[in-house]
Amino acid sequence: MHMILRTLLIFLKRRFLKRTSFTDKSVVTMRVLPTDLDFLWHVNNGVYFSFMDFGRWDMIFRNGVYDLSMKKGWYSVVAAETMKFRRSLKLWDKFIIETQIMGNDEKYFFIKQKFFCGGELMSTGLVKIRFLKRKGGTVSTREVMDEFKIESIPDNATELSQDWLNLESNYLI
């Protein structure tokens, strides 16, 4: 519930955002508020996942996926997500979230999200998204890409695979 004002704000601002192409990187600037902190006075790990939602909202507002989904009766769901933390965000820190579609298979889009504060990488998250139809059924990634007249997403599979491996291992990100 503590994210409701931020959610309303991003929905109100969506019509004024600069449009991008389907695979362009989206960048959102945010600030850590007192409601984002846990008892150790840093951003709670679960809050990062909520912040990531804002990065994805910004991306789909800018690249037109939101408008298309509303028109077609589609919605997206998170099928999986993983996160690796390097440094903690603290009260009043101003940070950015970079969000970008990195690839796809027949069912899922793979999205990478990075948090930066003062130019330093704080954390990286990888998210697997799929589209469903409100009336039931699934939407293939091919169907989504056809609507945008995209033949294929640039092959970032090697980078994405390495990122995923690094997040699930003890390697630094």
Protein backbone atom coordinates (compact mmCIF):
# COMPACT_ATOMS: atom_id res chain seq x y z
CA MET A 1 0.00 0.00 0.00
CA HIS A 2 2.94 2.36 0.62
CA MET A 3 3.64 2.41 -3.15
CA ILE A 4 0.16 3.68 -4.09
CA LEU A 5 1.16 7.34 -4.51
CA ARG A 6 4.12 6.43 -6.71
CA THR A 7 1.87 4.15 -8.75
CA LEU A 8 -0.72 6.89 -9.25
CA LEU A 9 2.01 9.35 -10.22
CA ILE A 10 3.52 7.11 -12.89
CA PHE A 11 0.06 6.44 -14.37
CA LEU A 12 -0.68 10.17 -14.46
CA LYS A 13 2.65 10.92 -16.14
CA ARG A 14 2.43 8.15 -18.75
CA ARG A 15 0.92 10.27 -21.53
CA PHE A 16 3.78 12.77 -21.29
CA LEU A 17 6.62 10.26 -21.50
CA LYS A 18 8.87 10.23 -24.56
CA ARG A 19 8.08 7.25 -26.80
CA THR A 20 10.77 4.68 -27.46
CA SER A 21 11.13 1.58 -29.58
CA PHE A 22 10.24 -1.85 -28.25
CA THR A 23 13.75 -2.82 -27.12
CA ASP A 24 15.09 0.59 -26.04
CA LYS A 25 16.41 0.97 -22.51
CA SER A 26 14.10 2.77 -20.10
CA VAL A 27 15.57 4.84 -17.25
CA VAL A 28 13.59 5.87 -14.16
CA THR A 29 14.91 8.11 -11.38
CA MET A 30 13.59 7.56 -7.88
CA ARG A 31 14.46 8.45 -4.29
CA VAL A 32 14.45 6.21 -1.22
CA LEU A 33 11.66 7.25 1.15
CA PRO A 34 11.22 6.30 4.83
CA THR A 35 8.47 3.80 3.89
CA ASP A 36 10.99 1.88 1.75
CA LEU A 37 13.23 1.00 4.71
CA ASP A 38 13.30 -1.99 7.00
CA PHE A 39 14.45 -2.08 10.64
CA LEU A 40 18.09 -2.08 9.54
CA TRP A 41 17.52 1.32 7.87
CA HIS A 42 18.18 0.22 4.32
CA VAL A 43 15.86 -0.69 1.46
CA ASN A 44 14.15 -4.00 2.15
CA ASN A 45 14.87 -6.70 -0.42
CA GLY A 46 11.17 -7.00 -1.27
CA VAL A 47 10.96 -3.28 -2.00
CA TYR A 48 13.52 -3.71 -4.80
CA PHE A 49 11.02 -5.94 -6.59
CA SER A 50 8.36 -3.24 -6.21
CA PHE A 51 10.81 -0.66 -7.57
CA MET A 52 11.42 -2.97 -10.52
CA ASP A 53 7.69 -2.84 -11.28
CA PHE A 54 8.03 0.93 -11.77
CA GLY A 55 10.90 0.41 -14.19
CA ARG A 56 8.81 -2.05 -16.21
CA TRP A 57 5.77 0.25 -16.12
CA ASP A 58 7.87 3.08 -17.49
CA MET A 59 9.22 0.82 -20.23
CA ILE A 60 5.80 -0.42 -21.39
CA PHE A 61 4.29 3.07 -21.29
CA ARG A 62 7.14 4.37 -23.45
CA ASN A 63 7.40 1.49 -25.93
CA GLY A 64 3.63 1.16 -26.50
CA VAL A 65 3.13 -2.28 -24.96
CA TYR A 66 0.69 -0.87 -22.39
CA ASP A 67 -1.53 0.71 -25.06
CA LEU A 68 -1.44 -2.43 -27.20
CA SER A 69 -2.27 -4.63 -24.21
CA MET A 70 -5.28 -2.49 -23.30
CA LYS A 71 -6.50 -2.60 -26.91
CA LYS A 72 -6.02 -6.37 -27.28
CA GLY A 73 -7.19 -7.42 -23.80
CA TRP A 74 -3.77 -8.73 -22.80
CA TYR A 75 -1.85 -8.45 -19.55
CA SER A 76 1.63 -9.48 -18.50
CA VAL A 77 2.64 -11.56 -15.51
CA VAL A 78 5.99 -12.20 -13.89
CA ALA A 79 6.88 -15.86 -14.30
CA ALA A 80 10.25 -15.65 -12.51
CA GLU A 81 12.64 -13.10 -11.13
CA THR A 82 15.99 -13.15 -9.44
CA MET A 83 18.14 -10.45 -7.91
CA LYS A 84 21.72 -9.91 -6.81
CA PHE A 85 22.60 -7.12 -4.37
CA ARG A 86 25.99 -5.37 -4.27
CA ARG A 87 25.32 -2.35 -2.06
CA SER A 88 22.39 -1.11 0.01
CA LEU A 89 20.23 1.83 -0.90
CA LYS A 90 19.70 4.07 2.13
CA LEU A 91 17.29 6.80 3.16
CA TRP A 92 17.05 9.71 0.68
CA ASP A 93 19.39 8.09 -1.85
CA LYS A 94 18.55 9.17 -5.38
CA PHE A 95 18.89 6.21 -7.74
CA ILE A 96 18.07 5.14 -11.25
CA ILE A 97 16.65 1.92 -12.60
CA GLU A 98 17.59 0.87 -16.10
CA THR A 99 15.14 -1.57 -17.68
CA GLN A 100 15.55 -3.33 -21.01
CA ILE A 101 14.13 -6.31 -22.86
CA MET A 102 17.11 -8.58 -23.44
CA GLY A 103 15.59 -11.44 -25.38
CA ASN A 104 12.75 -13.87 -25.76
CA ASP A 105 11.77 -17.42 -26.48
CA GLU A 106 8.38 -18.60 -27.76
CA LYS A 107 6.66 -17.97 -24.38
CA TYR A 108 8.68 -15.42 -22.43
CA PHE A 109 10.38 -12.06 -22.65
CA PHE A 110 13.54 -11.68 -20.56
CA ILE A 111 14.15 -8.29 -18.96
CA LYS A 112 17.25 -7.00 -17.19
CA GLN A 113 16.96 -4.25 -14.58
CA LYS A 114 19.92 -2.50 -12.98
CA PHE A 115 19.94 -0.11 -10.02
CA PHE A 116 22.56 2.66 -9.91
CA CYS A 117 23.22 5.24 -7.20
CA GLY A 118 25.85 7.92 -7.77
CA GLY A 119 27.00 6.05 -10.86
CA GLU A 120 27.68 2.87 -8.88
CA LEU A 121 25.90 -0.40 -9.65
CA MET A 122 23.86 -1.32 -6.57
CA SER A 123 21.95 -4.38 -7.77
CA THR A 124 20.82 -6.29 -10.84
CA GLY A 125 17.57 -8.14 -11.40
CA LEU A 126 16.42 -10.44 -14.17
CA VAL A 127 12.74 -10.98 -14.86
CA LYS A 128 10.88 -13.46 -17.04
CA ILE A 129 7.53 -12.10 -18.32
CA ARG A 130 4.71 -13.73 -20.24
CA PHE A 131 1.50 -12.35 -21.69
CA LEU A 132 -1.97 -13.73 -21.07
CA LYS A 133 -5.39 -12.93 -22.54
CA ARG A 134 -8.06 -11.54 -20.22
CA LYS A 135 -10.58 -13.94 -21.74
CA GLY A 136 -8.23 -16.87 -21.18
CA GLY A 137 -5.27 -18.28 -23.01
CA THR A 138 -1.75 -17.16 -23.69
CA VAL A 139 -0.11 -14.71 -26.05
CA SER A 140 3.08 -15.85 -27.76
CA THR A 141 6.07 -13.54 -27.92
CA ARG A 142 5.80 -13.81 -31.73
CA GLU A 143 2.25 -12.38 -31.56
CA VAL A 144 3.46 -9.41 -29.50
CA MET A 145 6.44 -8.78 -31.77
CA ASP A 146 4.25 -9.04 -34.90
CA GLU A 147 2.10 -6.19 -33.56
CA PHE A 148 5.24 -4.04 -33.37
CA LYS A 149 6.51 -5.32 -36.73
CA ILE A 150 9.63 -6.70 -35.07
CA GLU A 151 11.28 -9.62 -36.83
CA SER A 152 13.48 -10.46 -33.86
CA ILE A 153 14.97 -8.96 -30.74
CA PRO A 154 18.73 -8.44 -31.00
CA ASP A 155 20.37 -11.58 -29.69
CA ASN A 156 21.53 -10.75 -26.18
CA ALA A 157 21.26 -14.39 -25.15
CA THR A 158 24.94 -14.71 -24.30
CA GLU A 159 24.91 -11.59 -22.13
CA LEU A 160 21.60 -12.57 -20.56
CA SER A 161 22.76 -16.13 -19.84
CA GLN A 162 25.96 -14.85 -18.26
CA ASP A 163 24.01 -12.32 -16.16
CA TRP A 164 21.63 -15.02 -14.97
CA LEU A 165 24.52 -17.36 -14.14
CA ASN A 166 26.31 -14.57 -12.27
CA LEU A 167 23.21 -13.71 -10.27
CA GLU A 168 22.79 -17.32 -9.23
CA SER A 169 26.45 -17.75 -8.31
CA ASN A 170 28.99 -16.06 -6.10
CA TYR A 171 30.43 -13.97 -8.95
CA LEU A 172 30.27 -10.21 -8.72
CA ILE A 173 27.80 -8.52 -11.01
